Amino acid sequence: HWLNGVKTVEYELWTPEWVKMKTTGKWK
């Protein structure tokens, strides 16, 4: 994700870390 030329977010979909965030956070 970039906003006004500044990178604001960088991540990998479907990794174990991403799955853990998904299943323990708002999207559980």
PDB file of all heavy atoms in Angstrom:
ATOM      1  N   HIS A   1       0.866  -1.176   0.000  1.00  0.00           N
ATOM      2  CA  HIS A   1       0.000   0.000   0.000  1.00  0.00           C
ATOM      3  C   HIS A   1       0.903   1.226   0.000  1.00  0.00           C
ATOM      4  O   HIS A   1       1.841   1.300   0.807  1.00  0.00           O
ATOM      5  CB  HIS A   1      -0.863   0.061   1.260  1.00  0.00           C
ATOM      6  CG  HIS A   1      -1.948  -0.953   1.339  1.00  0.00           C
ATOM      7  ND1 HIS A   1      -2.889  -0.924   2.332  1.00  0.00           N
ATOM      8  CD2 HIS A   1      -2.260  -2.016   0.573  1.00  0.00           C
ATOM      9  CE1 HIS A   1      -3.735  -1.929   2.185  1.00  0.00           C
ATOM     10  NE2 HIS A   1      -3.366  -2.618   1.126  1.00  0.00           N
ATOM     11  N   TRP A   2       0.598   2.174  -0.864  1.00  0.00           N
ATOM     12  CA  TRP A   2       1.324   3.440  -0.927  1.00  0.00           C
ATOM     13  C   TRP A   2       0.317   4.572  -0.793  1.00  0.00           C
ATOM     14  O   TRP A   2      -0.804   4.469  -1.297  1.00  0.00           O
ATOM     15  CB  TRP A   2       2.060   3.571  -2.255  1.00  0.00           C
ATOM     16  CG  TRP A   2       3.170   2.579  -2.445  1.00  0.00           C
ATOM     17  CD1 TRP A   2       3.050   1.262  -2.798  1.00  0.00           C
ATOM     18  CD2 TRP A   2       4.558   2.813  -2.291  1.00  0.00           C
ATOM     19  NE1 TRP A   2       4.281   0.676  -2.868  1.00  0.00           N
ATOM     20  CE2 TRP A   2       5.228   1.604  -2.558  1.00  0.00           C
ATOM     21  CE3 TRP A   2       5.302   3.945  -1.943  1.00  0.00           C
ATOM     22  CZ2 TRP A   2       6.611   1.488  -2.503  1.00  0.00           C
ATOM     23  CZ3 TRP A   2       6.679   3.833  -1.885  1.00  0.00           C
ATOM     24  CH2 TRP A   2       7.315   2.608  -2.163  1.00  0.00           C
ATOM     25  N   LEU A   3       0.701   5.638  -0.125  1.00  0.00           N
ATOM     26  CA  LEU A   3      -0.157   6.808   0.033  1.00  0.00           C
ATOM     27  C   LEU A   3       0.690   8.052  -0.159  1.00  0.00           C
ATOM     28  O   LEU A   3       1.644   8.283   0.592  1.00  0.00           O
ATOM     29  CB  LEU A   3      -0.812   6.799   1.418  1.00  0.00           C
ATOM     30  CG  LEU A   3      -1.721   7.967   1.767  1.00  0.00           C
ATOM     31  CD1 LEU A   3      -2.805   8.183   0.718  1.00  0.00           C
ATOM     32  CD2 LEU A   3      -2.341   7.771   3.149  1.00  0.00           C
ATOM     33  N   ASN A   4       0.376   8.791  -1.215  1.00  0.00           N
ATOM     34  CA  ASN A   4       1.109  10.025  -1.539  1.00  0.00           C
ATOM     35  C   ASN A   4       2.617   9.785  -1.620  1.00  0.00           C
ATOM     36  O   ASN A   4       3.417  10.570  -1.114  1.00  0.00           O
ATOM     37  CB  ASN A   4       0.771  11.129  -0.531  1.00  0.00           C
ATOM     38  CG  ASN A   4      -0.708  11.483  -0.569  1.00  0.00           C
ATOM     39  OD1 ASN A   4      -1.301  11.568  -1.640  1.00  0.00           O
ATOM     40  ND2 ASN A   4      -1.304  11.673   0.597  1.00  0.00           N
ATOM     41  N   GLY A   5       2.991   8.675  -2.246  1.00  0.00           N
ATOM     42  CA  GLY A   5       4.393   8.344  -2.471  1.00  0.00           C
ATOM     43  C   GLY A   5       5.096   7.689  -1.296  1.00  0.00           C
ATOM     44  O   GLY A   5       6.285   7.390  -1.378  1.00  0.00           O
ATOM     45  N   VAL A   6       4.387   7.441  -0.195  1.00  0.00           N
ATOM     46  CA  VAL A   6       4.963   6.827   0.998  1.00  0.00           C
ATOM     47  C   VAL A   6       4.407   5.409   1.141  1.00  0.00           C
ATOM     48  O   VAL A   6       3.179   5.222   1.133  1.00  0.00           O
ATOM     49  CB  VAL A   6       4.619   7.652   2.265  1.00  0.00           C
ATOM     50  CG1 VAL A   6       5.134   6.963   3.517  1.00  0.00           C
ATOM     51  CG2 VAL A   6       5.157   9.071   2.140  1.00  0.00           C
ATOM     52  N   LYS A   7       5.300   4.422   1.291  1.00  0.00           N
ATOM     53  CA  LYS A   7       4.831   3.053   1.511  1.00  0.00           C
ATOM     54  C   LYS A   7       4.266   2.975   2.928  1.00  0.00           C
ATOM     55  O   LYS A   7       4.955   3.267   3.901  1.00  0.00           O
ATOM     56  CB  LYS A   7       5.953   2.034   1.349  1.00  0.00           C
ATOM     57  CG  LYS A   7       5.445   0.587   1.428  1.00  0.00           C
ATOM     58  CD  LYS A   7       6.555  -0.440   1.454  1.00  0.00           C
ATOM     59  CE  LYS A   7       7.282  -0.517   0.133  1.00  0.00           C
ATOM     60  NZ  LYS A   7       8.304  -1.608   0.140  1.00  0.00           N
ATOM     61  N   THR A   8       2.985   2.567   3.029  1.00  0.00           N
ATOM     62  CA  THR A   8       2.338   2.502   4.338  1.00  0.00           C
ATOM     63  C   THR A   8       2.173   1.074   4.852  1.00  0.00           C
ATOM     64  O   THR A   8       2.116   0.862   6.056  1.00  0.00           O
ATOM     65  CB  THR A   8       0.960   3.187   4.306  1.00  0.00           C
ATOM     66  OG1 THR A   8       0.144   2.560   3.307  1.00  0.00           O
ATOM     67  CG2 THR A   8       1.101   4.678   4.026  1.00  0.00           C
ATOM     68  N   VAL A   9       2.094   0.113   3.955  1.00  0.00           N
ATOM     69  CA  VAL A   9       1.887  -1.284   4.349  1.00  0.00           C
ATOM     70  C   VAL A   9       2.602  -2.186   3.362  1.00  0.00           C
ATOM     71  O   VAL A   9       2.640  -1.909   2.158  1.00  0.00           O
ATOM     72  CB  VAL A   9       0.384  -1.646   4.377  1.00  0.00           C
ATOM     73  CG1 VAL A   9       0.156  -3.142   4.482  1.00  0.00           C
ATOM     74  CG2 VAL A   9      -0.336  -0.930   5.502  1.00  0.00           C
ATOM     75  N   GLU A  10       3.149  -3.279   3.885  1.00  0.00           N
ATOM     76  CA  GLU A  10       3.753  -4.315   3.056  1.00  0.00           C
ATOM     77  C   GLU A  10       3.519  -5.642   3.770  1.00  0.00           C
ATOM     78  O   GLU A  10       3.815  -5.769   4.966  1.00  0.00           O
ATOM     79  CB  GLU A  10       5.245  -4.047   2.900  1.00  0.00           C
ATOM     80  CG  GLU A  10       5.968  -5.006   2.012  1.00  0.00           C
ATOM     81  CD  GLU A  10       7.414  -4.576   1.780  1.00  0.00           C
ATOM     82  OE1 GLU A  10       7.985  -3.845   2.623  1.00  0.00           O
ATOM     83  OE2 GLU A  10       7.974  -4.993   0.766  1.00  0.00           O
ATOM     84  N   TYR A  11       2.950  -6.620   3.063  1.00  0.00           N
ATOM     85  CA  TYR A  11       2.702  -7.917   3.688  1.00  0.00           C
ATOM     86  C   TYR A  11       2.550  -9.000   2.628  1.00  0.00           C
ATOM     87  O   TYR A  11       2.446  -8.708   1.445  1.00  0.00           O
ATOM     88  CB  TYR A  11       1.470  -7.869   4.602  1.00  0.00           C
ATOM     89  CG  TYR A  11       0.142  -7.702   3.900  1.00  0.00           C
ATOM     90  CD1 TYR A  11      -0.651  -8.810   3.595  1.00  0.00           C
ATOM     91  CD2 TYR A  11      -0.337  -6.442   3.557  1.00  0.00           C
ATOM     92  CE1 TYR A  11      -1.883  -8.657   2.973  1.00  0.00           C
ATOM     93  CE2 TYR A  11      -1.554  -6.279   2.928  1.00  0.00           C
ATOM     94  CZ  TYR A  11      -2.331  -7.394   2.647  1.00  0.00           C
ATOM     95  OH  TYR A  11      -3.543  -7.241   2.024  1.00  0.00           O
ATOM     96  N   GLU A  12       2.527 -10.236   3.093  1.00  0.00           N
ATOM     97  CA  GLU A  12       2.331 -11.406   2.232  1.00  0.00           C
ATOM     98  C   GLU A  12       1.007 -12.052   2.596  1.00  0.00           C
ATOM     99  O   GLU A  12       0.760 -12.377   3.766  1.00  0.00           O
ATOM    100  CB  GLU A  12       3.448 -12.432   2.440  1.00  0.00           C
ATOM    101  CG  GLU A  12       4.818 -11.964   2.056  1.00  0.00           C
ATOM    102  CD  GLU A  12       5.123 -12.117   0.572  1.00  0.00           C
ATOM    103  OE1 GLU A  12       4.462 -12.928  -0.098  1.00  0.00           O
ATOM    104  OE2 GLU A  12       6.021 -11.410   0.097  1.00  0.00           O
ATOM    105  N   LEU A  13       0.146 -12.234   1.603  1.00  0.00           N
ATOM    106  CA  LEU A  13      -1.109 -12.952   1.814  1.00  0.00           C
ATOM    107  C   LEU A  13      -0.852 -14.436   2.038  1.00  0.00           C
ATOM    108  O   LEU A  13       0.081 -15.006   1.478  1.00  0.00           O
ATOM    109  CB  LEU A  13      -2.008 -12.795   0.582  1.00  0.00           C
ATOM    110  CG  LEU A  13      -2.656 -11.422   0.393  1.00  0.00           C
ATOM    111  CD1 LEU A  13      -3.116 -11.253  -1.041  1.00  0.00           C
ATOM    112  CD2 LEU A  13      -3.816 -11.245   1.357  1.00  0.00           C
ATOM    113  N   TRP A  14      -1.691 -15.048   2.876  1.00  0.00           N
ATOM    114  CA  TRP A  14      -1.793 -16.500   3.049  1.00  0.00           C
ATOM    115  C   TRP A  14      -0.585 -17.151   3.718  1.00  0.00           C
ATOM    116  O   TRP A  14      -0.498 -18.367   3.756  1.00  0.00           O
ATOM    117  CB  TRP A  14      -2.123 -17.188   1.724  1.00  0.00           C
ATOM    118  CG  TRP A  14      -3.164 -16.447   0.949  1.00  0.00           C
ATOM    119  CD1 TRP A  14      -4.436 -16.168   1.364  1.00  0.00           C
ATOM    120  CD2 TRP A  14      -3.031 -15.865  -0.348  1.00  0.00           C
ATOM    121  NE1 TRP A  14      -5.094 -15.437   0.403  1.00  0.00           N
ATOM    122  CE2 TRP A  14      -4.258 -15.236  -0.668  1.00  0.00           C
ATOM    123  CE3 TRP A  14      -1.997 -15.799  -1.269  1.00  0.00           C
ATOM    124  CZ2 TRP A  14      -4.469 -14.578  -1.867  1.00  0.00           C
ATOM    125  CZ3 TRP A  14      -2.208 -15.141  -2.464  1.00  0.00           C
ATOM    126  CH2 TRP A  14      -3.429 -14.541  -2.761  1.00  0.00           C
ATOM    127  N   THR A  15       0.322 -16.387   4.273  1.00  0.00           N
ATOM    128  CA  THR A  15       1.443 -16.963   5.025  1.00  0.00           C
ATOM    129  C   THR A  15       0.933 -17.398   6.400  1.00  0.00           C
ATOM    130  O   THR A  15      -0.145 -16.953   6.841  1.00  0.00           O
ATOM    131  CB  THR A  15       2.572 -15.936   5.214  1.00  0.00           C
ATOM    132  OG1 THR A  15       2.058 -14.854   6.004  1.00  0.00           O
ATOM    133  CG2 THR A  15       3.107 -15.427   3.884  1.00  0.00           C
ATOM    134  N   PRO A  16       1.681 -18.223   7.129  1.00  0.00           N
ATOM    135  CA  PRO A  16       1.252 -18.583   8.484  1.00  0.00           C
ATOM    136  C   PRO A  16       1.023 -17.351   9.380  1.00  0.00           C
ATOM    137  O   PRO A  16       0.070 -17.317  10.162  1.00  0.00           O
ATOM    138  CB  PRO A  16       2.407 -19.451   9.002  1.00  0.00           C
ATOM    139  CG  PRO A  16       2.970 -20.074   7.764  1.00  0.00           C
ATOM    140  CD  PRO A  16       2.864 -18.996   6.709  1.00  0.00           C
ATOM    141  N   GLU A  17       1.874 -16.330   9.259  1.00  0.00           N
ATOM    142  CA  GLU A  17       1.698 -15.105  10.044  1.00  0.00           C
ATOM    143  C   GLU A  17       0.378 -14.417   9.686  1.00  0.00           C
ATOM    144  O   GLU A  17      -0.374 -13.989  10.561  1.00  0.00           O
ATOM    145  CB  GLU A  17       2.864 -14.145   9.798  1.00  0.00           C
ATOM    146  CG  GLU A  17       2.703 -12.813  10.493  1.00  0.00           C
ATOM    147  CD  GLU A  17       3.728 -11.777  10.070  1.00  0.00           C
ATOM    148  OE1 GLU A  17       4.611 -12.076   9.249  1.00  0.00           O
ATOM    149  OE2 GLU A  17       3.630 -10.653  10.567  1.00  0.00           O
ATOM    150  N   TRP A  18       0.085 -14.321   8.383  1.00  0.00           N
ATOM    151  CA  TRP A  18      -1.158 -13.686   7.924  1.00  0.00           C
ATOM    152  C   TRP A  18      -2.368 -14.472   8.422  1.00  0.00           C
ATOM    153  O   TRP A  18      -3.337 -13.891   8.917  1.00  0.00           O
ATOM    154  CB  TRP A  18      -1.143 -13.584   6.395  1.00  0.00           C
ATOM    155  CG  TRP A  18      -2.339 -12.889   5.841  1.00  0.00           C
ATOM    156  CD1 TRP A  18      -2.486 -11.547   5.631  1.00  0.00           C
ATOM    157  CD2 TRP A  18      -3.574 -13.492   5.440  1.00  0.00           C
ATOM    158  NE1 TRP A  18      -3.740 -11.287   5.117  1.00  0.00           N
ATOM    159  CE2 TRP A  18      -4.417 -12.464   4.992  1.00  0.00           C
ATOM    160  CE3 TRP A  18      -4.043 -14.799   5.411  1.00  0.00           C
ATOM    161  CZ2 TRP A  18      -5.710 -12.699   4.526  1.00  0.00           C
ATOM    162  CZ3 TRP A  18      -5.330 -15.045   4.950  1.00  0.00           C
ATOM    163  CH2 TRP A  18      -6.147 -14.000   4.513  1.00  0.00           C
ATOM    164  N   VAL A  19      -2.328 -15.797   8.307  1.00  0.00           N
ATOM    165  CA  VAL A  19      -3.438 -16.640   8.763  1.00  0.00           C
ATOM    166  C   VAL A  19      -3.664 -16.460  10.259  1.00  0.00           C
ATOM    167  O   VAL A  19      -4.810 -16.350  10.721  1.00  0.00           O
ATOM    168  CB  VAL A  19      -3.198 -18.127   8.396  1.00  0.00           C
ATOM    169  CG1 VAL A  19      -4.219 -19.031   9.073  1.00  0.00           C
ATOM    170  CG2 VAL A  19      -3.216 -18.315   6.885  1.00  0.00           C
ATOM    171  N   LYS A  20      -2.589 -16.380  11.035  1.00  0.00           N
ATOM    172  CA  LYS A  20      -2.722 -16.183  12.477  1.00  0.00           C
ATOM    173  C   LYS A  20      -3.389 -14.842  12.775  1.00  0.00           C
ATOM    174  O   LYS A  20      -4.277 -14.753  13.637  1.00  0.00           O
ATOM    175  CB  LYS A  20      -1.356 -16.267  13.159  1.00  0.00           C
ATOM    176  CG  LYS A  20      -1.449 -16.117  14.657  1.00  0.00           C
ATOM    177  CD  LYS A  20      -0.096 -16.243  15.325  1.00  0.00           C
ATOM    178  CE  LYS A  20      -0.256 -16.060  16.833  1.00  0.00           C
ATOM    179  NZ  LYS A  20       1.029 -16.054  17.510  1.00  0.00           N
ATOM    180  N   MET A  21      -2.972 -13.784  12.086  1.00  0.00           N
ATOM    181  CA  MET A  21      -3.589 -12.470  12.288  1.00  0.00           C
ATOM    182  C   MET A  21      -5.078 -12.518  11.957  1.00  0.00           C
ATOM    183  O   MET A  21      -5.904 -11.951  12.671  1.00  0.00           O
ATOM    184  CB  MET A  21      -2.892 -11.414  11.421  1.00  0.00           C
ATOM    185  CG  MET A  21      -1.499 -11.066  11.861  1.00  0.00           C
ATOM    186  SD  MET A  21      -0.738  -9.856  10.769  1.00  0.00           S
ATOM    187  CE  MET A  21      -1.604  -8.381  11.284  1.00  0.00           C
ATOM    188  N   LYS A  22      -5.406 -13.194  10.874  1.00  0.00           N
ATOM    189  CA  LYS A  22      -6.800 -13.297  10.434  1.00  0.00           C
ATOM    190  C   LYS A  22      -7.642 -14.069  11.443  1.00  0.00           C
ATOM    191  O   LYS A  22      -8.738 -13.652  11.795  1.00  0.00           O
ATOM    192  CB  LYS A  22      -6.863 -13.976   9.070  1.00  0.00           C
ATOM    193  CG  LYS A  22      -8.253 -14.288   8.593  1.00  0.00           C
ATOM    194  CD  LYS A  22      -8.226 -15.110   7.327  1.00  0.00           C
ATOM    195  CE  LYS A  22      -9.450 -15.980   7.246  1.00  0.00           C
ATOM    196  NZ  LYS A  22      -9.517 -16.774   6.054  1.00  0.00           N
ATOM    197  N   THR A  23      -7.142 -15.177  11.910  1.00  0.00           N
ATOM    198  CA  THR A  23      -7.947 -16.068  12.759  1.00  0.00           C
ATOM    199  C   THR A  23      -7.981 -15.661  14.229  1.00  0.00           C
ATOM    200  O   THR A  23      -8.758 -16.221  15.001  1.00  0.00           O
ATOM    201  CB  THR A  23      -7.457 -17.524  12.638  1.00  0.00           C
ATOM    202  OG1 THR A  23      -6.074 -17.588  12.992  1.00  0.00           O
ATOM    203  CG2 THR A  23      -7.661 -18.058  11.228  1.00  0.00           C
ATOM    204  N   THR A  24      -7.164 -14.680  14.613  1.00  0.00           N
ATOM    205  CA  THR A  24      -7.187 -14.226  16.005  1.00  0.00           C
ATOM    206  C   THR A  24      -7.662 -12.779  16.136  1.00  0.00           C
ATOM    207  O   THR A  24      -7.808 -12.287  17.251  1.00  0.00           O
ATOM    208  CB  THR A  24      -5.786 -14.350  16.655  1.00  0.00           C
ATOM    209  OG1 THR A  24      -4.857 -13.547  15.919  1.00  0.00           O
ATOM    210  CG2 THR A  24      -5.335 -15.802  16.695  1.00  0.00           C
ATOM    211  N   GLY A  25      -7.912 -12.112  15.024  1.00  0.00           N
ATOM    212  CA  GLY A  25      -8.314 -10.712  15.061  1.00  0.00           C
ATOM    213  C   GLY A  25      -9.760 -10.511  14.653  1.00  0.00           C
ATOM    214  O   GLY A  25     -10.610 -11.392  14.811  1.00  0.00           O
ATOM    215  N   LYS A  26     -10.029  -9.363  14.092  1.00  0.00           N
ATOM    216  CA  LYS A  26     -11.389  -8.970  13.699  1.00  0.00           C
ATOM    217  C   LYS A  26     -12.042  -9.966  12.748  1.00  0.00           C
ATOM    218  O   LYS A  26     -13.252 -10.132  12.744  1.00  0.00           O
ATOM    219  CB  LYS A  26     -11.354  -7.581  13.064  1.00  0.00           C
ATOM    220  CG  LYS A  26     -12.727  -7.102  12.638  1.00  0.00           C
ATOM    221  CD  LYS A  26     -12.731  -5.674  12.200  1.00  0.00           C
ATOM    222  CE  LYS A  26     -14.137  -5.291  11.784  1.00  0.00           C
ATOM    223  NZ  LYS A  26     -14.652  -4.158  12.485  1.00  0.00           N
ATOM    224  N   TRP A  27     -11.251 -10.655  11.940  1.00  0.00           N
ATOM    225  CA  TRP A  27     -11.796 -11.530  10.893  1.00  0.00           C
ATOM    226  C   TRP A  27     -11.970 -12.982  11.348  1.00  0.00           C
ATOM    227  O   TRP A  27     -12.273 -13.847  10.552  1.00  0.00           O
ATOM    228  CB  TRP A  27     -10.923 -11.453   9.643  1.00  0.00           C
ATOM    229  CG  TRP A  27     -10.743 -10.042   9.203  1.00  0.00           C
ATOM    230  CD1 TRP A  27      -9.584  -9.325   9.166  1.00  0.00           C
ATOM    231  CD2 TRP A  27     -11.775  -9.142   8.787  1.00  0.00           C
ATOM    232  NE1 TRP A  27      -9.827  -8.035   8.749  1.00  0.00           N
ATOM    233  CE2 TRP A  27     -11.169  -7.897   8.505  1.00  0.00           C
ATOM    234  CE3 TRP A  27     -13.158  -9.261   8.630  1.00  0.00           C
ATOM    235  CZ2 TRP A  27     -11.884  -6.783   8.080  1.00  0.00           C
ATOM    236  CZ3 TRP A  27     -13.881  -8.149   8.203  1.00  0.00           C
ATOM    237  CH2 TRP A  27     -13.240  -6.931   7.931  1.00  0.00           C
ATOM    238  N   LYS A  28     -11.797 -13.250  12.634  1.00  0.00           N
ATOM    239  CA  LYS A  28     -11.884 -14.633  13.130  1.00  0.00           C
ATOM    240  C   LYS A  28     -13.246 -15.273  12.855  1.00  0.00           C
ATOM    241  O   LYS A  28     -13.338 -16.484  12.710  1.00  0.00           O
ATOM    242  CB  LYS A  28     -11.528 -14.712  14.602  1.00  0.00           C
ATOM    243  CG  LYS A  28     -12.504 -14.044  15.539  1.00  0.00           C
ATOM    244  CD  LYS A  28     -12.027 -14.162  16.984  1.00  0.00           C
ATOM    245  CE  LYS A  28     -12.950 -13.483  17.948  1.00  0.00           C
ATOM    246  NZ  LYS A  28     -12.929 -12.043  17.907  1.00  0.00           N
TER     247      LYS A  28
END
